[in-house]
PDB file of N, CA and C in Angstrom:
ATOM      1  N   MET A   1     -65.696  31.437 156.748  1.00  0.00           N
ATOM      2  CA  MET A   1     -65.439  32.106 155.495  1.00  0.00           C
ATOM      3  C   MET A   1     -64.661  31.155 154.591  1.00  0.00           C
ATOM      4  N   SER A   2     -65.050  31.072 153.358  1.00  0.00           N
ATOM      5  CA  SER A   2     -64.415  30.182 152.399  1.00  0.00           C
ATOM      6  C   SER A   2     -63.547  30.985 151.439  1.00  0.00           C
ATOM      7  N   GLU A   3     -62.328  30.525 151.225  1.00  0.00           N
ATOM      8  CA  GLU A   3     -61.420  31.173 150.289  1.00  0.00           C
ATOM      9  C   GLU A   3     -61.010  30.185 149.215  1.00  0.00           C
ATOM     10  N   THR A   4     -60.808  30.708 148.008  1.00  0.00           N
ATOM     11  CA  THR A   4     -60.322  29.885 146.911  1.00  0.00           C
ATOM     12  C   THR A   4     -58.840  29.638 147.115  1.00  0.00           C
ATOM     13  N   GLN A   5     -58.434  28.383 147.010  1.00  0.00           N
ATOM     14  CA  GLN A   5     -57.021  28.025 147.132  1.00  0.00           C
ATOM     15  C   GLN A   5     -56.414  27.705 145.768  1.00  0.00           C
ATOM     16  N   ALA A   6     -57.187  27.038 144.926  1.00  0.00           N
ATOM     17  CA  ALA A   6     -56.689  26.649 143.607  1.00  0.00           C
ATOM     18  C   ALA A   6     -57.859  26.438 142.670  1.00  0.00           C
ATOM     19  N   ILE A   7     -57.605  26.667 141.387  1.00  0.00           N
ATOM     20  CA  ILE A   7     -58.568  26.372 140.329  1.00  0.00           C
ATOM     21  C   ILE A   7     -57.826  25.571 139.270  1.00  0.00           C
ATOM     22  N   PHE A   8     -58.371  24.414 138.908  1.00  0.00           N
ATOM     23  CA  PHE A   8     -57.796  23.549 137.896  1.00  0.00           C
ATOM     24  C   PHE A   8     -58.817  23.377 136.784  1.00  0.00           C
ATOM     25  N   LEU A   9     -58.502  23.820 135.574  1.00  0.00           N
ATOM     26  CA  LEU A   9     -59.402  23.685 134.435  1.00  0.00           C
ATOM     27  C   LEU A   9     -58.906  22.559 133.539  1.00  0.00           C
ATOM     28  N   ALA A  10     -59.825  21.693 133.134  1.00  0.00           N
ATOM     29  CA  ALA A  10     -59.461  20.578 132.267  1.00  0.00           C
ATOM     30  C   ALA A  10     -58.850  21.107 130.974  1.00  0.00           C
ATOM     31  N   ASP A  11     -57.680  20.584 130.596  1.00  0.00           N
ATOM     32  CA  ASP A  11     -56.968  21.022 129.384  1.00  0.00           C
ATOM     33  C   ASP A  11     -56.784  22.536 129.352  1.00  0.00           C
ATOM     34  N   GLY A  12     -56.604  23.132 130.524  1.00  0.00           N
ATOM     35  CA  GLY A  12     -56.481  24.593 130.570  1.00  0.00           C
ATOM     36  C   GLY A  12     -55.590  25.065 131.695  1.00  0.00           C
ATOM     37  N   ALA A  13     -55.901  26.235 132.184  1.00  0.00           N
ATOM     38  CA  ALA A  13     -55.064  26.918 133.161  1.00  0.00           C
ATOM     39  C   ALA A  13     -55.191  26.316 134.565  1.00  0.00           C
ATOM     40  N   VAL A  14     -54.133  26.535 135.339  1.00  0.00           N
ATOM     41  CA  VAL A  14     -54.128  26.251 136.768  1.00  0.00           C
ATOM     42  C   VAL A  14     -53.853  27.572 137.457  1.00  0.00           C
ATOM     43  N   SER A  15     -54.637  27.907 138.451  1.00  0.00           N
ATOM     44  CA  SER A  15     -54.444  29.140 139.214  1.00  0.00           C
ATOM     45  C   SER A  15     -54.293  28.795 140.688  1.00  0.00           C
ATOM     46  N   LEU A  16     -53.290  29.395 141.329  1.00  0.00           N
ATOM     47  CA  LEU A  16     -53.071  29.205 142.762  1.00  0.00           C
ATOM     48  C   LEU A  16     -53.265  30.548 143.467  1.00  0.00           C
ATOM     49  N   PHE A  17     -53.921  30.487 144.622  1.00  0.00           N
ATOM     50  CA  PHE A  17     -54.294  31.697 145.342  1.00  0.00           C
ATOM     51  C   PHE A  17     -53.666  31.727 146.732  1.00  0.00           C
ATOM     52  N   TYR A  18     -53.408  32.930 147.228  1.00  0.00           N
ATOM     53  CA  TYR A  18     -52.992  33.149 148.608  1.00  0.00           C
ATOM     54  C   TYR A  18     -53.874  34.250 149.169  1.00  0.00           C
ATOM     55  N   ASN A  19     -54.543  33.954 150.261  1.00  0.00           N
ATOM     56  CA  ASN A  19     -55.458  34.922 150.879  1.00  0.00           C
ATOM     57  C   ASN A  19     -56.478  35.431 149.861  1.00  0.00           C
ATOM     58  N   ASN A  20     -56.981  34.513 149.049  1.00  0.00           N
ATOM     59  CA  ASN A  20     -58.004  34.765 148.033  1.00  0.00           C
ATOM     60  C   ASN A  20     -57.533  35.658 146.884  1.00  0.00           C
ATOM     61  N   GLY A  21     -56.222  35.866 146.759  1.00  0.00           N
ATOM     62  CA  GLY A  21     -55.671  36.637 145.645  1.00  0.00           C
ATOM     63  C   GLY A  21     -54.845  35.726 144.747  1.00  0.00           C
ATOM     64  N   LYS A  22     -55.078  35.783 143.432  1.00  0.00           N
ATOM     65  CA  LYS A  22     -54.359  34.926 142.495  1.00  0.00           C
ATOM     66  C   LYS A  22     -52.886  35.318 142.466  1.00  0.00           C
ATOM     67  N   LYS A  23     -51.997  34.341 142.676  1.00  0.00           N
ATOM     68  CA  LYS A  23     -50.557  34.576 142.705  1.00  0.00           C
ATOM     69  C   LYS A  23     -49.827  33.888 141.559  1.00  0.00           C
ATOM     70  N   ILE A  24     -50.260  32.686 141.186  1.00  0.00           N
ATOM     71  CA  ILE A  24     -49.609  31.927 140.111  1.00  0.00           C
ATOM     72  C   ILE A  24     -50.683  31.422 139.154  1.00  0.00           C
ATOM     73  N   GLU A  25     -50.409  31.582 137.859  1.00  0.00           N
ATOM     74  CA  GLU A  25     -51.367  31.127 136.852  1.00  0.00           C
ATOM     75  C   GLU A  25     -50.602  30.593 135.646  1.00  0.00           C
ATOM     76  N   THR A  26     -50.968  29.398 135.190  1.00  0.00           N
ATOM     77  CA  THR A  26     -50.372  28.866 133.969  1.00  0.00           C
ATOM     78  C   THR A  26     -51.136  29.413 132.771  1.00  0.00           C
ATOM     79  N   SER A  27     -50.416  29.510 131.656  1.00  0.00           N
ATOM     80  CA  SER A  27     -51.020  30.017 130.424  1.00  0.00           C
ATOM     81  C   SER A  27     -50.375  29.289 129.250  1.00  0.00           C
ATOM     82  N   PRO A  28     -50.893  29.468 128.044  1.00  0.00           N
ATOM     83  CA  PRO A  28     -50.273  28.807 126.886  1.00  0.00           C
ATOM     84  C   PRO A  28     -48.797  29.172 126.696  1.00  0.00           C
ATOM     85  N   SER A  29     -48.393  30.349 127.175  1.00  0.00           N
ATOM     86  CA  SER A  29     -46.998  30.774 126.988  1.00  0.00           C
ATOM     87  C   SER A  29     -46.104  30.441 128.172  1.00  0.00           C
ATOM     88  N   GLY A  30     -46.664  29.947 129.295  1.00  0.00           N
ATOM     89  CA  GLY A  30     -45.848  29.607 130.455  1.00  0.00           C
ATOM     90  C   GLY A  30     -46.568  29.842 131.756  1.00  0.00           C
ATOM     91  N   VAL A  31     -45.933  30.611 132.650  1.00  0.00           N
ATOM     92  CA  VAL A  31     -46.473  30.859 133.987  1.00  0.00           C
ATOM     93  C   VAL A  31     -46.425  32.351 134.268  1.00  0.00           C
ATOM     94  N   ASP A  32     -47.482  32.878 134.842  1.00  0.00           N
ATOM     95  CA  ASP A  32     -47.525  34.272 135.281  1.00  0.00           C
ATOM     96  C   ASP A  32     -47.517  34.302 136.803  1.00  0.00           C
ATOM     97  N   VAL A  33     -46.667  35.156 137.372  1.00  0.00           N
ATOM     98  CA  VAL A  33     -46.557  35.307 138.814  1.00  0.00           C
ATOM     99  C   VAL A  33     -46.945  36.730 139.174  1.00  0.00           C
ATOM    100  N   THR A  34     -47.832  36.879 140.148  1.00  0.00           N
ATOM    101  CA  THR A  34     -48.214  38.191 140.657  1.00  0.00           C
ATOM    102  C   THR A  34     -47.563  38.370 142.012  1.00  0.00           C
ATOM    103  N   GLY A  35     -46.813  39.444 142.174  1.00  0.00           N
ATOM    104  CA  GLY A  35     -46.100  39.678 143.422  1.00  0.00           C
ATOM    105  C   GLY A  35     -44.620  39.419 143.234  1.00  0.00           C
ATOM    106  N   THR A  36     -43.953  38.993 144.268  1.00  0.00           N
ATOM    107  CA  THR A  36     -42.512  38.773 144.260  1.00  0.00           C
ATOM    108  C   THR A  36     -42.207  37.295 144.097  1.00  0.00           C
ATOM    109  N   LEU A  37     -41.234  37.004 143.252  1.00  0.00           N
ATOM    110  CA  LEU A  37     -40.759  35.633 143.069  1.00  0.00           C
ATOM    111  C   LEU A  37     -39.370  35.554 143.686  1.00  0.00           C
ATOM    112  N   ASN A  38     -39.241  34.816 144.774  1.00  0.00           N
ATOM    113  CA  ASN A  38     -37.954  34.609 145.434  1.00  0.00           C
ATOM    114  C   ASN A  38     -37.415  33.256 145.012  1.00  0.00           C
ATOM    115  N   VAL A  39     -36.193  33.241 144.492  1.00  0.00           N
ATOM    116  CA  VAL A  39     -35.576  32.019 144.015  1.00  0.00           C
ATOM    117  C   VAL A  39     -34.268  31.806 144.761  1.00  0.00           C
ATOM    118  N   THR A  40     -34.073  30.607 145.284  1.00  0.00           N
ATOM    119  CA  THR A  40     -32.826  30.241 145.944  1.00  0.00           C
ATOM    120  C   THR A  40     -32.140  29.169 145.115  1.00  0.00           C
ATOM    121  N   GLY A  41     -30.852  29.336 144.887  1.00  0.00           N
ATOM    122  CA  GLY A  41     -30.109  28.371 144.089  1.00  0.00           C
ATOM    123  C   GLY A  41     -29.841  28.917 142.702  1.00  0.00           C
ATOM    124  N   VAL A  42     -29.471  28.041 141.803  1.00  0.00           N
ATOM    125  CA  VAL A  42     -29.134  28.426 140.437  1.00  0.00           C
ATOM    126  C   VAL A  42     -30.409  28.501 139.610  1.00  0.00           C
ATOM    127  N   SER A  43     -30.558  29.579 138.865  1.00  0.00           N
ATOM    128  CA  SER A  43     -31.704  29.747 137.974  1.00  0.00           C
ATOM    129  C   SER A  43     -31.190  29.933 136.554  1.00  0.00           C
ATOM    130  N   THR A  44     -31.752  29.196 135.643  1.00  0.00           N
ATOM    131  CA  THR A  44     -31.366  29.308 134.245  1.00  0.00           C
ATOM    132  C   THR A  44     -32.538  29.863 133.465  1.00  0.00           C
ATOM    133  N   ILE A  45     -32.287  30.912 132.710  1.00  0.00           N
ATOM    134  CA  ILE A  45     -33.330  31.515 131.880  1.00  0.00           C
ATOM    135  C   ILE A  45     -32.930  31.307 130.437  1.00  0.00           C
ATOM    136  N   SER A  46     -33.794  30.661 129.710  1.00  0.00           N
ATOM    137  CA  SER A  46     -33.553  30.413 128.300  1.00  0.00           C
ATOM    138  C   SER A  46     -34.548  31.253 127.516  1.00  0.00           C
ATOM    139  N   GLY A  47     -34.058  32.116 126.660  1.00  0.00           N
ATOM    140  CA  GLY A  47     -34.943  33.024 125.941  1.00  0.00           C
ATOM    141  C   GLY A  47     -34.791  34.426 126.479  1.00  0.00           C
ATOM    142  N   ASN A  48     -35.843  35.192 126.436  1.00  0.00           N
ATOM    143  CA  ASN A  48     -35.800  36.599 126.837  1.00  0.00           C
ATOM    144  C   ASN A  48     -36.165  36.780 128.297  1.00  0.00           C
ATOM    145  N   LEU A  49     -35.480  37.697 128.951  1.00  0.00           N
ATOM    146  CA  LEU A  49     -35.829  38.143 130.292  1.00  0.00           C
ATOM    147  C   LEU A  49     -36.308  39.573 130.150  1.00  0.00           C
ATOM    148  N   VAL A  50     -37.558  39.822 130.479  1.00  0.00           N
ATOM    149  CA  VAL A  50     -38.138  41.147 130.331  1.00  0.00           C
ATOM    150  C   VAL A  50     -38.383  41.727 131.713  1.00  0.00           C
ATOM    151  N   ILE A  51     -37.814  42.905 131.957  1.00  0.00           N
ATOM    152  CA  ILE A  51     -38.045  43.631 133.201  1.00  0.00           C
ATOM    153  C   ILE A  51     -38.814  44.883 132.825  1.00  0.00           C
ATOM    154  N   SER A  52     -40.039  44.970 133.300  1.00  0.00           N
ATOM    155  CA  SER A  52     -40.911  46.057 132.885  1.00  0.00           C
ATOM    156  C   SER A  52     -41.485  46.766 134.104  1.00  0.00           C
ATOM    157  N   ASP A  53     -41.261  48.050 134.170  1.00  0.00           N
ATOM    158  CA  ASP A  53     -41.778  48.883 135.259  1.00  0.00           C
ATOM    159  C   ASP A  53     -41.599  50.327 134.832  1.00  0.00           C
ATOM    160  N   THR A  54     -42.149  51.261 135.576  1.00  0.00           N
ATOM    161  CA  THR A  54     -41.948  52.671 135.243  1.00  0.00           C
ATOM    162  C   THR A  54     -40.493  53.081 135.467  1.00  0.00           C
ATOM    163  N   VAL A  55     -39.832  52.448 136.436  1.00  0.00           N
ATOM    164  CA  VAL A  55     -38.400  52.651 136.691  1.00  0.00           C
ATOM    165  C   VAL A  55     -37.778  51.261 136.866  1.00  0.00           C
ATOM    166  N   PRO A  56     -37.492  50.552 135.749  1.00  0.00           N
ATOM    167  CA  PRO A  56     -36.992  49.186 135.864  1.00  0.00           C
ATOM    168  C   PRO A  56     -35.611  49.150 136.517  1.00  0.00           C
ATOM    169  N   LYS A  57     -35.377  48.111 137.313  1.00  0.00           N
ATOM    170  CA  LYS A  57     -34.110  47.954 138.021  1.00  0.00           C
ATOM    171  C   LYS A  57     -33.638  46.510 137.908  1.00  0.00           C
ATOM    172  N   LEU A  58     -32.345  46.349 137.807  1.00  0.00           N
ATOM    173  CA  LEU A  58     -31.707  45.039 137.896  1.00  0.00           C
ATOM    174  C   LEU A  58     -30.750  45.152 139.067  1.00  0.00           C
ATOM    175  N   ILE A  59     -31.030  44.424 140.145  1.00  0.00           N
ATOM    176  CA  ILE A  59     -30.274  44.562 141.386  1.00  0.00           C
ATOM    177  C   ILE A  59     -29.539  43.260 141.676  1.00  0.00           C
ATOM    178  N   PHE A  60     -28.238  43.359 141.882  1.00  0.00           N
ATOM    179  CA  PHE A  60     -27.426  42.223 142.299  1.00  0.00           C
ATOM    180  C   PHE A  60     -27.100  42.412 143.771  1.00  0.00           C
ATOM    181  N   THR A  61     -27.387  41.419 144.599  1.00  0.00           N
ATOM    182  CA  THR A  61     -27.069  41.475 146.021  1.00  0.00           C
ATOM    183  C   THR A  61     -26.014  40.423 146.321  1.00  0.00           C
ATOM    184  N   ASP A  62     -24.871  40.878 146.811  1.00  0.00           N
ATOM    185  CA  ASP A  62     -23.764  39.983 147.134  1.00  0.00           C
ATOM    186  C   ASP A  62     -23.855  39.627 148.608  1.00  0.00           C
ATOM    187  N   THR A  63     -24.186  38.373 148.899  1.00  0.00           N
ATOM    188  CA  THR A  63     -24.400  37.972 150.288  1.00  0.00           C
ATOM    189  C   THR A  63     -23.137  37.495 150.989  1.00  0.00           C
ATOM    190  N   ASN A  64     -22.011  37.370 150.249  1.00  0.00           N
ATOM    191  CA  ASN A  64     -20.780  36.926 150.892  1.00  0.00           C
ATOM    192  C   ASN A  64     -19.658  37.964 150.784  1.00  0.00           C
ATOM    193  N   ASN A  65     -20.045  39.212 150.480  1.00  0.00           N
ATOM    194  CA  ASN A  65     -19.090  40.324 150.371  1.00  0.00           C
ATOM    195  C   ASN A  65     -17.952  40.039 149.394  1.00  0.00           C
ATOM    196  N   ASN A  66     -18.241  39.264 148.366  1.00  0.00           N
ATOM    197  CA  ASN A  66     -17.282  38.957 147.325  1.00  0.00           C
ATOM    198  C   ASN A  66     -17.976  39.211 145.993  1.00  0.00           C
ATOM    199  N   PRO A  67     -17.647  40.299 145.328  1.00  0.00           N
ATOM    200  CA  PRO A  67     -18.369  40.625 144.078  1.00  0.00           C
ATOM    201  C   PRO A  67     -18.035  39.636 142.956  1.00  0.00           C
ATOM    202  N   ASP A  68     -18.613  38.438 143.053  1.00  0.00           N
ATOM    203  CA  ASP A  68     -18.306  37.383 142.117  1.00  0.00           C
ATOM    204  C   ASP A  68     -19.413  37.145 141.088  1.00  0.00           C
ATOM    205  N   TYR A  69     -20.219  38.154 140.840  1.00  0.00           N
ATOM    206  CA  TYR A  69     -21.244  38.020 139.822  1.00  0.00           C
ATOM    207  C   TYR A  69     -20.663  38.440 138.467  1.00  0.00           C
ATOM    208  N   ASP A  70     -21.300  38.018 137.400  1.00  0.00           N
ATOM    209  CA  ASP A  70     -20.805  38.269 136.055  1.00  0.00           C
ATOM    210  C   ASP A  70     -21.985  38.614 135.168  1.00  0.00           C
ATOM    211  N   LEU A  71     -21.892  39.715 134.460  1.00  0.00           N
ATOM    212  CA  LEU A  71     -22.935  40.132 133.519  1.00  0.00           C
ATOM    213  C   LEU A  71     -22.261  40.223 132.159  1.00  0.00           C
ATOM    214  N   ARG A  72     -22.738  39.436 131.199  1.00  0.00           N
ATOM    215  CA  ARG A  72     -22.101  39.365 129.890  1.00  0.00           C
ATOM    216  C   ARG A  72     -23.066  39.747 128.780  1.00  0.00           C
ATOM    217  N   ASN A  73     -22.509  40.196 127.689  1.00  0.00           N
ATOM    218  CA  ASN A  73     -23.292  40.508 126.504  1.00  0.00           C
ATOM    219  C   ASN A  73     -22.919  39.527 125.421  1.00  0.00           C
TER     220      ASN A  73
END
C-alpha cells in the first residue's frame, strides 16, 4: 500500500502527511496545522493569536508546581 508522505509544488505550497492525512501545509499567509501542535521551549508569537472553537480554552499547565506564568494586557 502506498501512502502520500509529502507534496511539494513549485513556487507553491508544501504539504506533509501522517498516515495519509494532511497535517502541515504552507500557504501565502503562513502555515496551517491540523491536529495538535506540541511546542517545547520558548515560543514567541508576533501578531495575533486566534483561538477558535465552540468552547475556546486557554490552559496554562505548571509543570514545576510554581505558578510563575504571566498574562499581560
